[in-house]
Amino acid sequence: NNRKRLTYAFSSMRLKILLESVKQVCTTFENY
């Protein structure tokens, strides 16, 4: 059950969404 949840959480669709948060952190990293 846990595996199913996480497989969906890291699907291509979800990763595209999470990438927006990652890009914001990349901007913070660059400024730092």
Full PDB file with SEQRES, HELIX, SHEET, SSBOND, CRYST1, ORIGX, SCALE, CONECT and MASTER records, all heavy atoms in Angstrom:
SEQRES   1 A   32  ASN ASN ARG LYS ARG LEU THR TYR ALA PHE SER SER MET          
SEQRES   2 A   32  ARG LEU LYS ILE LEU LEU GLU SER VAL LYS GLN VAL CYS          
SEQRES   3 A   32  THR THR PHE GLU ASN TYR                                      
HELIX    1 AA1 ASN A    2  ALA A    9  1                                   8    
HELIX    2 AA2 SER A   12  ASN A   31  1                                  20    
CRYST1    1.000    1.000    1.000  90.00  90.00  90.00 P 1           1          
ORIGX1      1.000000  0.000000  0.000000        0.00000                         
ORIGX2      0.000000  1.000000  0.000000        0.00000                         
ORIGX3      0.000000  0.000000  1.000000        0.00000                         
SCALE1      1.000000  0.000000  0.000000        0.00000                         
SCALE2      0.000000  1.000000  0.000000        0.00000                         
SCALE3      0.000000  0.000000  1.000000        0.00000                         
ATOM      1  N   ASN A   1       0.824  -1.211   0.000  1.00  0.00           N  
ATOM      2  CA  ASN A   1       0.000   0.000   0.000  1.00  0.00           C  
ATOM      3  C   ASN A   1       0.859   1.263   0.000  1.00  0.00           C  
ATOM      4  O   ASN A   1       0.572   2.234  -0.711  1.00  0.00           O  
ATOM      5  CB  ASN A   1      -0.930  -0.001   1.215  1.00  0.00           C  
ATOM      6  CG  ASN A   1      -1.991  -1.084   1.114  1.00  0.00           C  
ATOM      7  OD1 ASN A   1      -2.352  -1.519   0.018  1.00  0.00           O  
ATOM      8  ND2 ASN A   1      -2.484  -1.541   2.250  1.00  0.00           N  
ATOM      9  N   ASN A   2       1.922   1.246   0.804  1.00  0.00           N  
ATOM     10  CA  ASN A   2       2.810   2.401   0.893  1.00  0.00           C  
ATOM     11  C   ASN A   2       3.511   2.628  -0.439  1.00  0.00           C  
ATOM     12  O   ASN A   2       3.649   3.766  -0.902  1.00  0.00           O  
ATOM     13  CB  ASN A   2       3.827   2.174   2.009  1.00  0.00           C  
ATOM     14  CG  ASN A   2       4.574   3.431   2.382  1.00  0.00           C  
ATOM     15  OD1 ASN A   2       5.434   3.875   1.632  1.00  0.00           O  
ATOM     16  ND2 ASN A   2       4.272   3.999   3.537  1.00  0.00           N  
ATOM     17  N   ARG A   3       3.922   1.540  -1.058  1.00  0.00           N  
ATOM     18  CA  ARG A   3       4.611   1.618  -2.342  1.00  0.00           C  
ATOM     19  C   ARG A   3       3.702   2.243  -3.410  1.00  0.00           C  
ATOM     20  O   ARG A   3       4.144   3.065  -4.219  1.00  0.00           O  
ATOM     21  CB  ARG A   3       5.043   0.211  -2.765  1.00  0.00           C  
ATOM     22  CG  ARG A   3       5.770   0.146  -4.102  1.00  0.00           C  
ATOM     23  CD  ARG A   3       7.225   0.344  -3.929  1.00  0.00           C  
ATOM     24  NE  ARG A   3       7.936   0.334  -5.189  1.00  0.00           N  
ATOM     25  CZ  ARG A   3       9.246   0.453  -5.301  1.00  0.00           C  
ATOM     26  NH1 ARG A   3       9.981   0.583  -4.218  1.00  0.00           N  
ATOM     27  NH2 ARG A   3       9.844   0.453  -6.474  1.00  0.00           N  
ATOM     28  N   LYS A   4       2.451   1.851  -3.415  1.00  0.00           N  
ATOM     29  CA  LYS A   4       1.501   2.403  -4.385  1.00  0.00           C  
ATOM     30  C   LYS A   4       1.369   3.909  -4.215  1.00  0.00           C  
ATOM     31  O   LYS A   4       1.336   4.657  -5.189  1.00  0.00           O  
ATOM     32  CB  LYS A   4       0.135   1.733  -4.212  1.00  0.00           C  
ATOM     33  CG  LYS A   4       0.059   0.312  -4.742  1.00  0.00           C  
ATOM     34  CD  LYS A   4      -1.317  -0.285  -4.498  1.00  0.00           C  
ATOM     35  CE  LYS A   4      -1.387  -1.725  -4.989  1.00  0.00           C  
ATOM     36  NZ  LYS A   4      -2.711  -2.346  -4.673  1.00  0.00           N  
ATOM     37  N   ARG A   5       1.275   4.349  -2.976  1.00  0.00           N  
ATOM     38  CA  ARG A   5       1.145   5.784  -2.700  1.00  0.00           C  
ATOM     39  C   ARG A   5       2.343   6.558  -3.238  1.00  0.00           C  
ATOM     40  O   ARG A   5       2.196   7.589  -3.900  1.00  0.00           O  
ATOM     41  CB  ARG A   5       1.047   6.024  -1.193  1.00  0.00           C  
ATOM     42  CG  ARG A   5      -0.260   5.595  -0.562  1.00  0.00           C  
ATOM     43  CD  ARG A   5      -0.239   5.975   0.906  1.00  0.00           C  
ATOM     44  NE  ARG A   5      -1.474   5.615   1.564  1.00  0.00           N  
ATOM     45  CZ  ARG A   5      -1.826   6.048   2.766  1.00  0.00           C  
ATOM     46  NH1 ARG A   5      -1.018   6.878   3.407  1.00  0.00           N  
ATOM     47  NH2 ARG A   5      -2.959   5.684   3.313  1.00  0.00           N  
ATOM     48  N   LEU A   6       3.521   6.059  -2.921  1.00  0.00           N  
ATOM     49  CA  LEU A   6       4.730   6.782  -3.301  1.00  0.00           C  
ATOM     50  C   LEU A   6       4.991   6.703  -4.804  1.00  0.00           C  
ATOM     51  O   LEU A   6       5.531   7.640  -5.388  1.00  0.00           O  
ATOM     52  CB  LEU A   6       5.926   6.235  -2.511  1.00  0.00           C  
ATOM     53  CG  LEU A   6       5.861   6.494  -1.004  1.00  0.00           C  
ATOM     54  CD1 LEU A   6       7.053   5.855  -0.305  1.00  0.00           C  
ATOM     55  CD2 LEU A   6       5.817   7.982  -0.698  1.00  0.00           C  
ATOM     56  N   THR A   7       4.613   5.599  -5.422  1.00  0.00           N  
ATOM     57  CA  THR A   7       4.757   5.491  -6.877  1.00  0.00           C  
ATOM     58  C   THR A   7       3.919   6.559  -7.568  1.00  0.00           C  
ATOM     59  O   THR A   7       4.374   7.211  -8.523  1.00  0.00           O  
ATOM     60  CB  THR A   7       4.339   4.090  -7.363  1.00  0.00           C  
ATOM     61  OG1 THR A   7       5.187   3.113  -6.744  1.00  0.00           O  
ATOM     62  CG2 THR A   7       4.472   3.970  -8.867  1.00  0.00           C  
ATOM     63  N   TYR A   8       2.709   6.775  -7.072  1.00  0.00           N  
ATOM     64  CA  TYR A   8       1.866   7.839  -7.624  1.00  0.00           C  
ATOM     65  C   TYR A   8       2.452   9.215  -7.304  1.00  0.00           C  
ATOM     66  O   TYR A   8       2.466  10.112  -8.150  1.00  0.00           O  
ATOM     67  CB  TYR A   8       0.446   7.739  -7.067  1.00  0.00           C  
ATOM     68  CG  TYR A   8      -0.425   8.913  -7.468  1.00  0.00           C  
ATOM     69  CD1 TYR A   8      -0.820   9.088  -8.796  1.00  0.00           C  
ATOM     70  CD2 TYR A   8      -0.825   9.859  -6.530  1.00  0.00           C  
ATOM     71  CE1 TYR A   8      -1.591  10.173  -9.179  1.00  0.00           C  
ATOM     72  CE2 TYR A   8      -1.599  10.948  -6.906  1.00  0.00           C  
ATOM     73  CZ  TYR A   8      -1.986  11.097  -8.222  1.00  0.00           C  
ATOM     74  OH  TYR A   8      -2.741  12.179  -8.602  1.00  0.00           O  
ATOM     75  N   ALA A   9       2.959   9.364  -6.067  1.00  0.00           N  
ATOM     76  CA  ALA A   9       3.507  10.657  -5.639  1.00  0.00           C  
ATOM     77  C   ALA A   9       4.682  11.085  -6.502  1.00  0.00           C  
ATOM     78  O   ALA A   9       4.916  12.286  -6.687  1.00  0.00           O  
ATOM     79  CB  ALA A   9       3.941  10.570  -4.174  1.00  0.00           C  
ATOM     80  N   PHE A  10       5.426  10.114  -7.048  1.00  0.00           N  
ATOM     81  CA  PHE A  10       6.588  10.430  -7.873  1.00  0.00           C  
ATOM     82  C   PHE A  10       6.367  10.066  -9.340  1.00  0.00           C  
ATOM     83  O   PHE A  10       7.314   9.767 -10.067  1.00  0.00           O  
ATOM     84  CB  PHE A  10       7.829   9.727  -7.315  1.00  0.00           C  
ATOM     85  CG  PHE A  10       8.181  10.158  -5.911  1.00  0.00           C  
ATOM     86  CD1 PHE A  10       8.380   9.228  -4.909  1.00  0.00           C  
ATOM     87  CD2 PHE A  10       8.286  11.511  -5.595  1.00  0.00           C  
ATOM     88  CE1 PHE A  10       8.695   9.627  -3.618  1.00  0.00           C  
ATOM     89  CE2 PHE A  10       8.594  11.919  -4.306  1.00  0.00           C  
ATOM     90  CZ  PHE A  10       8.798  10.978  -3.313  1.00  0.00           C  
ATOM     91  N   SER A  11       5.118  10.086  -9.755  1.00  0.00           N  
ATOM     92  CA  SER A  11       4.806   9.888 -11.182  1.00  0.00           C  
ATOM     93  C   SER A  11       5.252  11.118 -11.966  1.00  0.00           C  
ATOM     94  O   SER A  11       5.525  12.182 -11.398  1.00  0.00           O  
ATOM     95  CB  SER A  11       3.301   9.674 -11.360  1.00  0.00           C  
ATOM     96  OG  SER A  11       2.595  10.857 -10.984  1.00  0.00           O  
ATOM     97  N   SER A  12       5.322  10.997 -13.283  1.00  0.00           N  
ATOM     98  CA  SER A  12       5.754  12.115 -14.118  1.00  0.00           C  
ATOM     99  C   SER A  12       4.879  13.345 -13.901  1.00  0.00           C  
ATOM    100  O   SER A  12       5.376  14.478 -13.812  1.00  0.00           O  
ATOM    101  CB  SER A  12       5.726  11.711 -15.597  1.00  0.00           C  
ATOM    102  OG  SER A  12       6.661  10.689 -15.851  1.00  0.00           O  
ATOM    103  N   MET A  13       3.575  13.145 -13.801  1.00  0.00           N  
ATOM    104  CA  MET A  13       2.664  14.260 -13.588  1.00  0.00           C  
ATOM    105  C   MET A  13       2.977  14.985 -12.279  1.00  0.00           C  
ATOM    106  O   MET A  13       3.043  16.217 -12.231  1.00  0.00           O  
ATOM    107  CB  MET A  13       1.221  13.751 -13.570  1.00  0.00           C  
ATOM    108  CG  MET A  13       0.183  14.844 -13.317  1.00  0.00           C  
ATOM    109  SD  MET A  13      -1.475  14.163 -13.068  1.00  0.00           S  
ATOM    110  CE  MET A  13      -1.295  13.424 -11.433  1.00  0.00           C  
ATOM    111  N   ARG A  14       3.190  14.217 -11.222  1.00  0.00           N  
ATOM    112  CA  ARG A  14       3.457  14.827  -9.912  1.00  0.00           C  
ATOM    113  C   ARG A  14       4.834  15.481  -9.886  1.00  0.00           C  
ATOM    114  O   ARG A  14       5.016  16.542  -9.292  1.00  0.00           O  
ATOM    115  CB  ARG A  14       3.371  13.764  -8.812  1.00  0.00           C  
ATOM    116  CG  ARG A  14       1.991  13.194  -8.569  1.00  0.00           C  
ATOM    117  CD  ARG A  14       1.022  14.223  -8.048  1.00  0.00           C  
ATOM    118  NE  ARG A  14       1.574  14.969  -6.924  1.00  0.00           N  
ATOM    119  CZ  ARG A  14       0.998  16.037  -6.388  1.00  0.00           C  
ATOM    120  NH1 ARG A  14      -0.125  16.488  -6.875  1.00  0.00           N  
ATOM    121  NH2 ARG A  14       1.552  16.650  -5.362  1.00  0.00           N  
ATOM    122  N   LEU A  15       5.814  14.870 -10.534  1.00  0.00           N  
ATOM    123  CA  LEU A  15       7.162  15.441 -10.543  1.00  0.00           C  
ATOM    124  C   LEU A  15       7.195  16.782 -11.270  1.00  0.00           C  
ATOM    125  O   LEU A  15       7.934  17.686 -10.871  1.00  0.00           O  
ATOM    126  CB  LEU A  15       8.149  14.462 -11.181  1.00  0.00           C  
ATOM    127  CG  LEU A  15       8.500  13.228 -10.346  1.00  0.00           C  
ATOM    128  CD1 LEU A  15       9.397  12.288 -11.139  1.00  0.00           C  
ATOM    129  CD2 LEU A  15       9.180  13.612  -9.036  1.00  0.00           C  
ATOM    130  N   LYS A  16       6.401  16.909 -12.319  1.00  0.00           N  
ATOM    131  CA  LYS A  16       6.330  18.199 -13.014  1.00  0.00           C  
ATOM    132  C   LYS A  16       5.824  19.283 -12.075  1.00  0.00           C  
ATOM    133  O   LYS A  16       6.276  20.434 -12.123  1.00  0.00           O  
ATOM    134  CB  LYS A  16       5.417  18.089 -14.235  1.00  0.00           C  
ATOM    135  CG  LYS A  16       6.020  17.312 -15.391  1.00  0.00           C  
ATOM    136  CD  LYS A  16       5.059  17.259 -16.569  1.00  0.00           C  
ATOM    137  CE  LYS A  16       5.650  16.436 -17.713  1.00  0.00           C  
ATOM    138  NZ  LYS A  16       4.721  16.358 -18.869  1.00  0.00           N  
ATOM    139  N   ILE A  17       4.883  18.922 -11.216  1.00  0.00           N  
ATOM    140  CA  ILE A  17       4.351  19.874 -10.239  1.00  0.00           C  
ATOM    141  C   ILE A  17       5.396  20.197  -9.183  1.00  0.00           C  
ATOM    142  O   ILE A  17       5.621  21.365  -8.838  1.00  0.00           O  
ATOM    143  CB  ILE A  17       3.064  19.310  -9.586  1.00  0.00           C  
ATOM    144  CG1 ILE A  17       1.957  19.164 -10.639  1.00  0.00           C  
ATOM    145  CG2 ILE A  17       2.602  20.197  -8.432  1.00  0.00           C  
ATOM    146  CD1 ILE A  17       0.740  18.403 -10.153  1.00  0.00           C  
ATOM    147  N   LEU A  18       6.055  19.160  -8.665  1.00  0.00           N  
ATOM    148  CA  LEU A  18       7.070  19.367  -7.622  1.00  0.00           C  
ATOM    149  C   LEU A  18       8.273  20.140  -8.151  1.00  0.00           C  
ATOM    150  O   LEU A  18       8.953  20.836  -7.392  1.00  0.00           O  
ATOM    151  CB  LEU A  18       7.521  18.017  -7.052  1.00  0.00           C  
ATOM    152  CG  LEU A  18       6.487  17.250  -6.223  1.00  0.00           C  
ATOM    153  CD1 LEU A  18       7.028  15.870  -5.824  1.00  0.00           C  
ATOM    154  CD2 LEU A  18       6.073  18.022  -4.980  1.00  0.00           C  
ATOM    155  N   LEU A  19       8.532  20.020  -9.459  1.00  0.00           N  
ATOM    156  CA  LEU A  19       9.673  20.731 -10.040  1.00  0.00           C  
ATOM    157  C   LEU A  19       9.546  22.242  -9.845  1.00  0.00           C  
ATOM    158  O   LEU A  19      10.564  22.937  -9.698  1.00  0.00           O  
ATOM    159  CB  LEU A  19       9.798  20.405 -11.530  1.00  0.00           C  
ATOM    160  CG  LEU A  19      10.919  21.124 -12.294  1.00  0.00           C  
ATOM    161  CD1 LEU A  19      12.275  20.827 -11.678  1.00  0.00           C  
ATOM    162  CD2 LEU A  19      10.907  20.739 -13.768  1.00  0.00           C  
ATOM    163  N   GLU A  20       8.324  22.772  -9.814  1.00  0.00           N  
ATOM    164  CA  GLU A  20       8.142  24.210  -9.623  1.00  0.00           C  
ATOM    165  C   GLU A  20       8.702  24.644  -8.267  1.00  0.00           C  
ATOM    166  O   GLU A  20       9.322  25.705  -8.150  1.00  0.00           O  
ATOM    167  CB  GLU A  20       6.662  24.583  -9.755  1.00  0.00           C  
ATOM    168  CG  GLU A  20       6.096  24.345 -11.152  1.00  0.00           C  
ATOM    169  CD  GLU A  20       6.941  25.014 -12.225  1.00  0.00           C  
ATOM    170  OE1 GLU A  20       7.215  26.225 -12.107  1.00  0.00           O  
ATOM    171  OE2 GLU A  20       7.327  24.322 -13.203  1.00  0.00           O  
ATOM    172  N   SER A  21       8.497  23.837  -7.246  1.00  0.00           N  
ATOM    173  CA  SER A  21       9.066  24.130  -5.923  1.00  0.00           C  
ATOM    174  C   SER A  21      10.587  24.010  -5.951  1.00  0.00           C  
ATOM    175  O   SER A  21      11.302  24.823  -5.364  1.00  0.00           O  
ATOM    176  CB  SER A  21       8.493  23.180  -4.871  1.00  0.00           C  
ATOM    177  OG  SER A  21       7.108  23.364  -4.713  1.00  0.00           O  
ATOM    178  N   VAL A  22      11.085  22.990  -6.655  1.00  0.00           N  
ATOM    179  CA  VAL A  22      12.529  22.790  -6.763  1.00  0.00           C  
ATOM    180  C   VAL A  22      13.179  23.979  -7.467  1.00  0.00           C  
ATOM    181  O   VAL A  22      14.242  24.466  -7.057  1.00  0.00           O  
ATOM    182  CB  VAL A  22      12.839  21.477  -7.525  1.00  0.00           C  
ATOM    183  CG1 VAL A  22      14.334  21.344  -7.791  1.00  0.00           C  
ATOM    184  CG2 VAL A  22      12.345  20.268  -6.733  1.00  0.00           C  
ATOM    185  N   LYS A  23      12.550  24.502  -8.504  1.00  0.00           N  
ATOM    186  CA  LYS A  23      13.098  25.647  -9.247  1.00  0.00           C  
ATOM    187  C   LYS A  23      13.176  26.896  -8.370  1.00  0.00           C  
ATOM    188  O   LYS A  23      14.127  27.682  -8.466  1.00  0.00           O  
ATOM    189  CB  LYS A  23      12.255  25.917 -10.491  1.00  0.00           C  
ATOM    190  CG  LYS A  23      12.489  24.904 -11.604  1.00  0.00           C  
ATOM    191  CD  LYS A  23      11.397  24.920 -12.651  1.00  0.00           C  
ATOM    192  CE  LYS A  23      11.307  26.219 -13.402  1.00  0.00           C  
ATOM    193  NZ  LYS A  23      10.296  26.163 -14.487  1.00  0.00           N  
ATOM    194  N   GLN A  24      12.207  27.070  -7.499  1.00  0.00           N  
ATOM    195  CA  GLN A  24      12.246  28.207  -6.571  1.00  0.00           C  
ATOM    196  C   GLN A  24      13.455  28.091  -5.641  1.00  0.00           C  
ATOM    197  O   GLN A  24      14.130  29.081  -5.340  1.00  0.00           O  
ATOM    198  CB  GLN A  24      10.954  28.266  -5.764  1.00  0.00           C  
ATOM    199  CG  GLN A  24       9.730  28.647  -6.579  1.00  0.00           C  
ATOM    200  CD  GLN A  24       8.443  28.551  -5.786  1.00  0.00           C  
ATOM    201  OE1 GLN A  24       8.471  28.450  -4.556  1.00  0.00           O  
ATOM    202  NE2 GLN A  24       7.313  28.565  -6.484  1.00  0.00           N  
ATOM    203  N   VAL A  25      13.719  26.863  -5.192  1.00  0.00           N  
ATOM    204  CA  VAL A  25      14.878  26.636  -4.326  1.00  0.00           C  
ATOM    205  C   VAL A  25      16.172  26.868  -5.105  1.00  0.00           C  
ATOM    206  O   VAL A  25      17.150  27.400  -4.574  1.00  0.00           O  
ATOM    207  CB  VAL A  25      14.853  25.220  -3.719  1.00  0.00           C  
ATOM    208  CG1 VAL A  25      16.092  24.980  -2.854  1.00  0.00           C  
ATOM    209  CG2 VAL A  25      13.586  25.016  -2.894  1.00  0.00           C  
ATOM    210  N   CYS A  26      16.194  26.491  -6.381  1.00  0.00           N  
ATOM    211  CA  CYS A  26      17.375  26.733  -7.224  1.00  0.00           C  
ATOM    212  C   CYS A  26      17.669  28.233  -7.328  1.00  0.00           C  
ATOM    213  O   CYS A  26      18.836  28.653  -7.310  1.00  0.00           O  
ATOM    214  CB  CYS A  26      17.161  26.151  -8.623  1.00  0.00           C  
ATOM    215  SG  CYS A  26      17.298  24.350  -8.698  1.00  0.00           S  
ATOM    216  N   THR A  27      16.618  29.034  -7.409  1.00  0.00           N  
ATOM    217  CA  THR A  27      16.799  30.488  -7.443  1.00  0.00           C  
ATOM    218  C   THR A  27      17.379  30.984  -6.123  1.00  0.00           C  
ATOM    219  O   THR A  27      18.290  31.827  -6.109  1.00  0.00           O  
ATOM    220  CB  THR A  27      15.452  31.185  -7.714  1.00  0.00           C  
ATOM    221  OG1 THR A  27      14.949  30.760  -8.985  1.00  0.00           O  
ATOM    222  CG2 THR A  27      15.607  32.695  -7.726  1.00  0.00           C  
ATOM    223  N   THR A  28      16.872  30.453  -5.018  1.00  0.00           N  
ATOM    224  CA  THR A  28      17.407  30.808  -3.696  1.00  0.00           C  
ATOM    225  C   THR A  28      18.867  30.400  -3.583  1.00  0.00           C  
ATOM    226  O   THR A  28      19.704  31.144  -3.047  1.00  0.00           O  
ATOM    227  CB  THR A  28      16.583  30.119  -2.584  1.00  0.00           C  
ATOM    228  OG1 THR A  28      15.205  30.467  -2.732  1.00  0.00           O  
ATOM    229  CG2 THR A  28      17.065  30.542  -1.201  1.00  0.00           C  
ATOM    230  N   PHE A  29      19.189  29.215  -4.098  1.00  0.00           N  
ATOM    231  CA  PHE A  29      20.564  28.720  -4.089  1.00  0.00           C  
ATOM    232  C   PHE A  29      21.479  29.663  -4.871  1.00  0.00           C  
ATOM    233  O   PHE A  29      22.563  30.030  -4.403  1.00  0.00           O  
ATOM    234  CB  PHE A  29      20.599  27.311  -4.697  1.00  0.00           C  
ATOM    235  CG  PHE A  29      21.987  26.727  -4.843  1.00  0.00           C  
ATOM    236  CD1 PHE A  29      22.559  26.010  -3.812  1.00  0.00           C  
ATOM    237  CD2 PHE A  29      22.704  26.894  -6.024  1.00  0.00           C  
ATOM    238  CE1 PHE A  29      23.834  25.466  -3.955  1.00  0.00           C  
ATOM    239  CE2 PHE A  29      23.979  26.364  -6.169  1.00  0.00           C  
ATOM    240  CZ  PHE A  29      24.542  25.640  -5.120  1.00  0.00           C  
ATOM    241  N   GLU A  30      21.032  30.061  -6.048  1.00  0.00           N  
ATOM    242  CA  GLU A  30      21.842  30.954  -6.887  1.00  0.00           C  
ATOM    243  C   GLU A  30      22.062  32.302  -6.206  1.00  0.00           C  
ATOM    244  O   GLU A  30      23.180  32.845  -6.216  1.00  0.00           O  
ATOM    245  CB  GLU A  30      21.170  31.150  -8.247  1.00  0.00           C  
ATOM    246  CG  GLU A  30      21.999  31.977  -9.207  1.00  0.00           C  
ATOM    247  CD  GLU A  30      21.308  32.176 -10.545  1.00  0.00           C  
ATOM    248  OE1 GLU A  30      20.341  31.446 -10.847  1.00  0.00           O  
ATOM    249  OE2 GLU A  30      21.746  33.084 -11.291  1.00  0.00           O  
ATOM    250  N   ASN A  31      21.023  32.857  -5.602  1.00  0.00           N  
ATOM    251  CA  ASN A  31      21.149  34.133  -4.887  1.00  0.00           C  
ATOM    252  C   ASN A  31      22.135  34.022  -3.727  1.00  0.00           C  
ATOM    253  O   ASN A  31      22.947  34.926  -3.487  1.00  0.00           O  
ATOM    254  CB  ASN A  31      19.787  34.587  -4.363  1.00  0.00           C  
ATOM    255  CG  ASN A  31      18.834  34.970  -5.478  1.00  0.00           C  
ATOM    256  OD1 ASN A  31      19.271  35.295  -6.582  1.00  0.00           O  
ATOM    257  ND2 ASN A  31      17.543  34.932  -5.208  1.00  0.00           N  
ATOM    258  N   TYR A  32      22.074  32.892  -3.029  1.00  0.00           N  
ATOM    259  CA  TYR A  32      22.988  32.649  -1.896  1.00  0.00           C  
ATOM    260  C   TYR A  32      24.433  32.599  -2.388  1.00  0.00           C  
ATOM    261  O   TYR A  32      25.329  33.225  -1.803  1.00  0.00           O  
ATOM    262  CB  TYR A  32      22.597  31.339  -1.215  1.00  0.00           C  
ATOM    263  CG  TYR A  32      23.569  30.854  -0.157  1.00  0.00           C  
ATOM    264  CD1 TYR A  32      23.524  31.357   1.137  1.00  0.00           C  
ATOM    265  CD2 TYR A  32      24.518  29.876  -0.454  1.00  0.00           C  
ATOM    266  CE1 TYR A  32      24.404  30.904   2.117  1.00  0.00           C  
ATOM    267  CE2 TYR A  32      25.399  29.419   0.509  1.00  0.00           C  
ATOM    268  CZ  TYR A  32      25.334  29.938   1.789  1.00  0.00           C  
ATOM    269  OH  TYR A  32      26.217  29.482   2.752  1.00  0.00           O  
TER     270      TYR A  32                                                      
MASTER        0    0    0    2    0    0    0    6  269    1    0    3          
END                                                                             
